[in-house]
Protein backbone atom coordinates (compact mmCIF):
# COMPACT_ATOMS: atom_id res chain seq x y z
CA MET A 1 -91.15 -47.58 133.29
CA MET A 2 -87.68 -48.96 133.97
CA ASP A 3 -84.95 -46.76 135.09
CA LYS A 4 -81.43 -46.88 133.80
CA ASP A 5 -79.89 -48.35 136.97
CA SER A 6 -82.19 -51.39 137.03
CA CYS A 7 -81.28 -52.26 133.42
CA VAL A 8 -77.59 -52.11 134.20
CA GLU A 9 -78.12 -54.24 137.30
CA ARG A 10 -80.15 -56.81 135.37
CA SER A 11 -77.56 -56.86 132.57
CA ALA A 12 -74.77 -57.45 135.07
CA SER A 13 -76.59 -60.33 136.74
CA SER A 14 -77.42 -62.01 133.40
CA THR A 15 -73.79 -61.62 132.31
CA GLN A 16 -72.66 -63.21 135.56
CA GLU A 17 -75.03 -66.13 134.96
CA LEU A 18 -73.67 -66.48 131.43
CA PHE A 19 -70.10 -66.69 132.76
CA GLU A 20 -71.09 -69.34 135.27
CA ARG A 21 -73.04 -71.49 132.82
CA TRP A 22 -70.71 -71.40 129.81
CA PRO A 23 -67.08 -72.32 130.38
CA LEU A 24 -66.03 -70.47 127.25
CA PHE A 25 -66.99 -67.24 128.92
CA ASN A 26 -65.67 -68.27 132.34
CA ARG A 27 -62.64 -66.12 132.92
CA GLN A 28 -61.29 -68.52 135.52
CA GLN A 29 -60.82 -71.25 132.92
CA PRO A 30 -58.36 -70.60 130.07
CA TYR A 31 -59.71 -70.77 126.52
CA GLU A 32 -57.19 -73.43 125.41
CA GLU A 33 -58.35 -75.90 128.05
CA HIS A 34 -61.98 -75.40 127.02
CA ALA A 35 -61.12 -75.86 123.33
CA THR A 36 -59.21 -79.08 124.05
CA ARG A 37 -62.07 -80.48 126.05
CA SER A 38 -64.62 -79.66 123.37
CA ARG A 39 -62.38 -81.25 120.70
CA ARG A 40 -62.17 -84.43 122.76
CA LYS A 41 -65.93 -84.48 123.15
CA GLY A 42 -66.26 -83.89 119.43
CA LEU A 43 -64.00 -86.84 118.69
CA ARG A 44 -65.98 -89.04 121.02
CA LYS A 45 -69.25 -87.97 119.48
CA GLY A 46 -67.88 -88.24 115.96
CA SER A 47 -66.06 -91.52 116.48
CA TRP A 48 -69.10 -93.60 115.61
CA ARG A 49 -69.40 -91.61 112.40
CA PHE A 50 -65.76 -92.29 111.65
CA HIS A 51 -66.21 -96.03 112.19
CA VAL A 52 -69.39 -96.11 110.11
CA ARG A 53 -67.70 -94.22 107.30
CA ARG A 54 -64.67 -96.52 107.47
CA ARG A 55 -66.86 -99.63 107.34
CA ILE A 56 -68.79 -98.26 104.37
CA TRP A 57 -65.50 -97.50 102.61
CA VAL A 58 -64.12 -101.00 103.28
CA LEU A 59 -67.36 -102.61 102.12
CA SER A 60 -67.33 -100.51 98.95
CA ALA A 61 -63.73 -101.46 98.25
CA CYS A 62 -64.57 -105.16 98.69
CA VAL A 63 -67.52 -104.89 96.32
CA LEU A 64 -65.36 -103.16 93.69
CA PHE A 65 -62.60 -105.74 94.12
CA LEU A 66 -65.01 -108.64 93.70
CA ALA A 67 -66.57 -106.98 90.67
CA ALA A 68 -63.13 -106.60 89.10
CA CYS A 69 -62.30 -110.24 89.79
CA SER A 70 -65.56 -111.49 88.33
CA ASP A 71 -64.31 -110.73 84.80
CA VAL A 72 -61.98 -113.73 85.02
CA SER A 73 -63.58 -116.67 83.31
CA VAL A 74 -63.10 -120.15 84.70
CA VAL A 75 -63.66 -123.71 83.62
CA ASP A 76 -65.95 -125.34 86.18
CA SER A 77 -64.13 -128.65 86.33
CA MET A 78 -61.16 -130.29 84.66
CA THR A 79 -60.06 -133.92 84.88
CA ILE A 80 -56.43 -135.11 84.84
CA VAL A 81 -55.95 -138.78 84.04
CA ASN A 82 -52.59 -140.21 85.10
CA GLU A 83 -52.12 -143.79 83.88
CA THR A 84 -48.36 -143.72 84.44
CA ASP A 85 -46.36 -145.26 87.30
CA TYR A 86 -45.19 -141.79 88.42
CA PRO A 87 -47.09 -139.02 90.20
CA ALA A 88 -47.21 -135.86 88.11
CA GLN A 89 -47.25 -132.28 89.30
CA THR A 90 -49.63 -130.70 86.79
CA GLU A 91 -49.38 -127.03 85.83
CA VAL A 92 -51.03 -124.98 83.08
CA THR A 93 -50.41 -121.71 81.24
CA GLY A 94 -51.62 -119.93 78.13
CA ALA A 95 -49.94 -119.54 74.76
CA ASP A 96 -47.92 -116.54 75.99
CA ARG A 97 -46.45 -118.70 78.80
CA ASN A 98 -46.81 -115.80 81.21
CA GLY A 99 -46.66 -117.73 84.49
CA TRP A 100 -47.68 -121.25 85.41
CA LEU A 101 -50.76 -122.14 87.47
CA LEU A 102 -50.40 -125.25 89.64
CA LEU A 103 -53.46 -127.45 89.10
CA THR A 104 -52.76 -130.53 91.20
CA HIS A 105 -50.43 -133.37 92.04
CA ALA A 106 -51.95 -136.19 90.00
CA GLN A 107 -51.16 -139.47 91.76
CA GLN A 108 -50.00 -142.45 89.72
CA ARG A 109 -52.72 -144.66 88.24
CA GLN A 110 -55.48 -142.26 89.35
CA THR A 111 -57.90 -139.73 87.91
CA THR A 112 -58.00 -136.33 89.61
CA ALA A 113 -60.66 -133.62 89.27
CA VAL A 114 -59.75 -129.95 89.63
CA GLU A 115 -62.49 -127.39 90.25
CA GLU A 116 -62.62 -123.84 88.83
CA VAL A 117 -59.56 -123.59 86.64
CA ILE A 118 -58.76 -120.14 85.26
CA ASP A 119 -59.40 -120.05 81.51
CA GLN A 120 -56.10 -119.90 79.61
CA GLY A 121 -57.60 -118.81 76.29
CA GLU A 122 -57.44 -120.57 72.93
CA THR A 123 -54.20 -122.44 73.63
CA TRP A 124 -53.52 -124.34 76.85
CA VAL A 125 -50.03 -125.58 77.67
CA PHE A 126 -49.82 -128.30 80.32
CA ARG A 127 -46.59 -129.14 82.10
CA PHE A 128 -46.20 -132.44 83.92
CA GLY A 129 -43.29 -132.72 86.31
CA TYR A 130 -41.76 -135.19 88.71
CA LEU A 131 -39.55 -134.09 91.62
CA GLY A 132 -39.48 -130.60 90.14
CA LYS A 133 -36.86 -131.61 87.54
CA HIS A 134 -38.24 -133.94 84.91
CA GLN A 135 -40.86 -132.12 82.89
CA GLU A 136 -42.99 -132.85 79.87
CA GLU A 137 -45.13 -130.23 78.11
CA VAL A 138 -48.27 -130.75 76.07
CA GLU A 139 -49.99 -128.01 74.06
CA VAL A 140 -53.73 -128.41 73.54
CA SER A 141 -56.31 -126.15 71.92
CA ARG A 142 -59.40 -125.06 73.78
CA ARG A 143 -61.56 -126.76 71.16
CA GLU A 144 -59.82 -130.10 71.79
CA LEU A 145 -60.30 -129.76 75.55
CA GLU A 146 -64.00 -129.01 75.08
CA GLN A 147 -64.38 -132.04 72.80
CA ASP A 148 -62.68 -134.24 75.43
CA ASP A 149 -64.99 -132.86 78.12
CA TRP A 150 -62.12 -130.90 79.74
CA THR A 151 -60.02 -134.03 80.30
CA ILE A 152 -56.26 -134.16 79.84
CA GLU A 153 -54.10 -137.27 80.08
CA VAL A 154 -50.56 -137.36 81.40
CA PRO A 155 -48.62 -138.45 78.28
CA LEU A 156 -46.95 -141.86 78.24
CA SER A 157 -43.81 -140.09 76.99
CA PHE A 158 -43.58 -138.59 80.51
CA GLU A 159 -43.19 -142.09 81.99
CA GLN A 160 -40.89 -143.28 79.17
CA ARG A 161 -38.56 -140.32 79.67
CA LEU A 162 -38.35 -140.91 83.44
CA ARG A 163 -37.60 -144.62 82.91
CA ALA A 164 -34.93 -143.75 80.31
CA LEU A 165 -33.27 -141.46 82.87
CA GLY A 166 -33.26 -144.30 85.40
CA VAL A 167 -35.65 -142.62 87.82
CA PRO A 168 -37.01 -145.32 90.17
CA VAL A 169 -40.74 -145.85 90.33
CA PRO A 170 -42.11 -144.60 93.66
CA PRO A 171 -44.26 -146.89 95.81
CA GLU A 172 -47.99 -146.35 95.55
């Protein structure tokens, strides 16, 4: 049978061991310092989790963004035929004329293909410009563009207007 003194002695030695092994119970080390150290360790251990979570979040955001953008319909290819003596900056918009989309700079006497043009709806309005000042607009229905195999010609009136204004023909 154990006597009372041996239990107290054993309890005291196990308490002393506990203080030596665990800094939280070590009276020589303040609690705040121990808490700061354990927080730092926690951040180091948890940092990989943070980075993994951040990467998953970024990847999810990219997937959602691409899914939202996929609703935009496009025309695979469009051809601009410029038989005039002037290069034409070619832009397009829809019937609401809510912003112009630059398609290409169609060089004089050349045919230019443009890939993946955003669909403008039932009515397409093309604007042909030279030097950013002299512009000519042409309104075409979607049905007409489909019938012409998505080909638009720079109108001869564009060249006639530039010649009437005395704009010199640029070298090829």
